[in-house]
Amino acid sequence: MQRIVPVLKVIDIDQSKLFYLDNLGFKLDWQWQDDKTTEAFFLQISCDDVRLYLSNSDEYPGSGCVYWYVPDVDAVYAGLLNKGLAVDALPHNKAWGNREMQVSDPDGNRLRICTSI
């Protein structure tokens, strides 16, 4: 099996864990922390078959955007509202056949949560 796993640059590991694990329902698969400096980290999170790497390394500059396909974007939206999470774009239909919404993590990485329509 082949797979692509995007790396998203994050700064604060605790804020990132709160956002992805507590708010979006991802789980922590593994985490590496540099023994020499407690500041460097690289970790993998997953939700079903979706995997993301999060790192504070300067090797991954800037912010990213990930399209995350789910069975029901409206149900995800309702769940995020119940948790009080800010949403950048409400669920809406797009001309290319997606119903999608957008949230941003604390570091400005965008997650476009989509359902094919």
Protein backbone atom coordinates (compact mmCIF):
# COMPACT_ATOMS: atom_id res chain seq x y z
CA MET A 1 0.00 0.00 0.00
CA GLN A 2 1.21 3.49 -0.81
CA ARG A 3 0.30 6.54 1.22
CA ILE A 4 1.15 10.21 1.53
CA VAL A 5 1.46 11.75 4.99
CA PRO A 6 1.69 15.56 5.08
CA VAL A 7 3.89 17.30 7.64
CA LEU A 8 2.37 20.38 9.24
CA LYS A 9 4.59 22.93 10.98
CA VAL A 10 3.42 23.68 14.51
CA ILE A 11 5.03 25.67 17.30
CA ASP A 12 3.38 24.70 20.58
CA ILE A 13 3.01 20.94 21.03
CA ASP A 14 0.45 21.28 23.84
CA GLN A 15 -1.81 23.62 21.85
CA SER A 16 -1.53 21.35 18.81
CA LYS A 17 -2.45 18.25 20.81
CA LEU A 18 -5.45 20.04 22.30
CA PHE A 19 -6.63 21.11 18.85
CA TYR A 20 -6.13 17.82 16.99
CA LEU A 21 -6.73 15.24 19.74
CA ASP A 22 -9.38 16.86 21.91
CA ASN A 23 -11.24 18.93 19.31
CA LEU A 24 -10.93 16.93 16.08
CA GLY A 25 -10.81 13.40 17.48
CA PHE A 26 -7.35 12.37 16.27
CA LYS A 27 -5.27 10.02 18.42
CA LEU A 28 -1.55 10.20 19.14
CA ASP A 29 0.24 7.28 17.45
CA TRP A 30 3.80 8.16 18.47
CA GLN A 31 5.93 11.11 19.44
CA TRP A 32 9.66 11.77 19.18
CA GLN A 33 11.32 14.43 21.28
CA ASP A 34 14.99 15.36 20.93
CA ASP A 35 16.90 14.25 24.03
CA LYS A 36 19.39 17.09 23.64
CA THR A 37 16.80 19.83 23.45
CA THR A 38 13.33 19.42 24.86
CA GLU A 39 12.09 21.83 22.21
CA ALA A 40 12.39 19.72 19.05
CA PHE A 41 9.53 17.32 18.38
CA PHE A 42 7.95 15.25 15.62
CA LEU A 43 4.77 13.24 16.09
CA GLN A 44 2.17 11.25 14.18
CA ILE A 45 -1.56 11.55 14.78
CA SER A 46 -4.35 9.64 13.06
CA CYS A 47 -8.10 9.46 12.68
CA ASP A 48 -9.35 6.35 10.90
CA ASP A 49 -7.12 6.05 7.79
CA VAL A 50 -5.91 9.67 7.88
CA ARG A 51 -2.41 10.33 9.21
CA LEU A 52 -0.66 13.63 9.84
CA TYR A 53 2.83 14.44 11.03
CA LEU A 54 3.26 17.51 13.25
CA SER A 55 6.69 19.05 13.76
CA ASN A 56 8.28 22.24 14.98
CA SER A 57 11.34 21.76 12.77
CA ASP A 58 12.46 24.66 10.58
CA GLU A 59 12.74 22.05 7.83
CA TYR A 60 8.97 22.56 7.29
CA PRO A 61 8.45 26.35 6.98
CA GLY A 62 5.13 28.07 6.44
CA SER A 63 1.60 26.85 6.89
CA GLY A 64 -0.20 24.07 5.07
CA CYS A 65 -3.64 23.09 3.90
CA VAL A 66 -5.03 19.56 4.10
CA TYR A 67 -8.24 18.29 2.53
CA TRP A 68 -9.79 15.76 4.94
CA TYR A 69 -12.65 13.71 3.45
CA VAL A 70 -15.25 12.51 5.95
CA PRO A 71 -18.60 10.72 5.48
CA ASP A 72 -20.68 13.70 6.74
CA VAL A 73 -19.16 17.19 6.92
CA ASP A 74 -22.33 18.57 8.51
CA ALA A 75 -22.06 16.11 11.40
CA VAL A 76 -18.41 17.10 11.92
CA TYR A 77 -19.45 20.77 11.87
CA ALA A 78 -22.14 20.13 14.52
CA GLY A 79 -19.61 18.31 16.70
CA LEU A 80 -17.11 21.16 16.44
CA LEU A 81 -19.80 23.70 17.33
CA ASN A 82 -20.67 21.66 20.43
CA LYS A 83 -17.00 21.87 21.47
CA GLY A 84 -16.96 25.63 20.90
CA LEU A 85 -14.31 25.45 18.18
CA ALA A 86 -14.07 28.44 15.84
CA VAL A 87 -14.81 27.62 12.20
CA ASP A 88 -13.28 29.65 9.35
CA ALA A 89 -15.85 28.67 6.71
CA LEU A 90 -19.25 27.08 7.25
CA PRO A 91 -20.17 23.93 5.31
CA HIS A 92 -21.11 24.88 1.77
CA ASN A 93 -21.36 23.21 -1.64
CA LYS A 94 -18.57 23.80 -4.12
CA ALA A 95 -18.78 23.67 -7.92
CA TRP A 96 -16.23 20.81 -8.03
CA GLY A 97 -18.52 18.42 -6.15
CA ASN A 98 -17.52 18.85 -2.51
CA ARG A 99 -19.45 20.07 0.47
CA GLU A 100 -16.69 21.55 2.60
CA MET A 101 -15.88 23.67 5.62
CA GLN A 102 -12.61 24.99 7.00
CA VAL A 103 -10.93 25.23 10.40
CA SER A 104 -7.44 26.45 11.22
CA ASP A 105 -5.13 25.07 13.86
CA PRO A 106 -3.37 27.40 16.33
CA ASP A 107 -0.44 27.77 13.89
CA GLY A 108 -2.53 28.74 10.86
CA ASN A 109 -2.56 25.34 9.10
CA ARG A 110 -5.89 24.94 7.37
CA LEU A 111 -8.02 21.81 7.37
CA ARG A 112 -10.68 21.71 4.70
CA ILE A 113 -13.12 19.09 5.91
CA CYS A 114 -15.08 17.70 2.95
CA THR A 115 -17.76 15.32 1.84
CA SER A 116 -18.11 14.41 -1.82
CA ILE A 117 -21.59 15.25 -3.08
